[in-house]
């Protein structure tokens, strides 16, 4: 038997203890949260993924386009498309609901508080969406509050909806955005979205506008805003092209949604809110998922453009007339950080 001194034995025991402790800590960390945390822009192969919405000028979604119809430009350099599909894949969705005092207004037709109107429509949104989606529900006034953590259980979301309190307090919209972007990266699905219900007002956030835009740039989630307008705008959904009135303080909502590839819906009555829900469900189900592998990782912001070739559309009202060629409208996120 090889002889071991007391000093040598002590070193062996110390090394063994340290190795065991490291192993235990590693296992404990895995046990605390086994949900994969994806990178801000890519998968393990370094691909950048884009959720791309293609419509005509009237906002009608154009489906069934081929991979060859698309061109991706990264800093004006064409990229090879490495991934492509248009399927209704599971999504990780975060609901962010403004419960501050500025949301006290009531619906035009039912005279219900606007938060009650939103609560009534959320279950229908869940029923129309992919059954494999997962969700979280967060509300905010002067501070965010997580009512329902990640779940696929619609009943759990319903419980969270019923826990929403009447509108009161100040508004920390930008702080709530930060909390939601931190939460959304924990979603298990590669496709992610945040749906915000707010009037666009912010009064007490610690997060500034520049920091907020940076946070949105770093997330892969598409952001939609269902924005509650006042009675002067009652009667229609106001899409972003018409949504430039500074009276409603909604310029930042438009910027945030555009950075992410989403959009803002201005709503002033119950029908407009229902139509906005329906439009978001349809868009999420029919988006094109497109991937490419960038050349390098310079840690800089890269602007992205996606182009779609002109499409020939048959006029159903004139079946004997030749198809019309249109230039599609494309919407996706503005870029990514090449980390």
Foldseek 3Di string as FASTA:
>chain_A
DDDDDPVRVVVVVVVVVVVVVVVVVVVVVCVVAVQDQAFLADHPVQKGKWWKFWDFPVRHTDFDDDPVQKWKQWLHRTFDWPDKDFAQDAEEEEEEEEQAQVQQAAFPPPRHRVLVLVLVQVLVLLVLHDLNYWYWYWYDFLAIDTQGATDSDSVSVNVSSVPDDHHHHHHAPLNSLLVVLVRQSSDRDPAYAYEYEELQDHDRHPDDLVNSLVSLQRHQYQYEYAHEDEPVPADAKDWPVRPDDCVSNCPSVQVSNQQAQHTYIYHHHSVSVNVVSVSVRVSSRGIMMIMGRDDAQPQDWIFMDMAGHWDFAQDPVCNPDGTDTGGMDMTIHGTHGRD
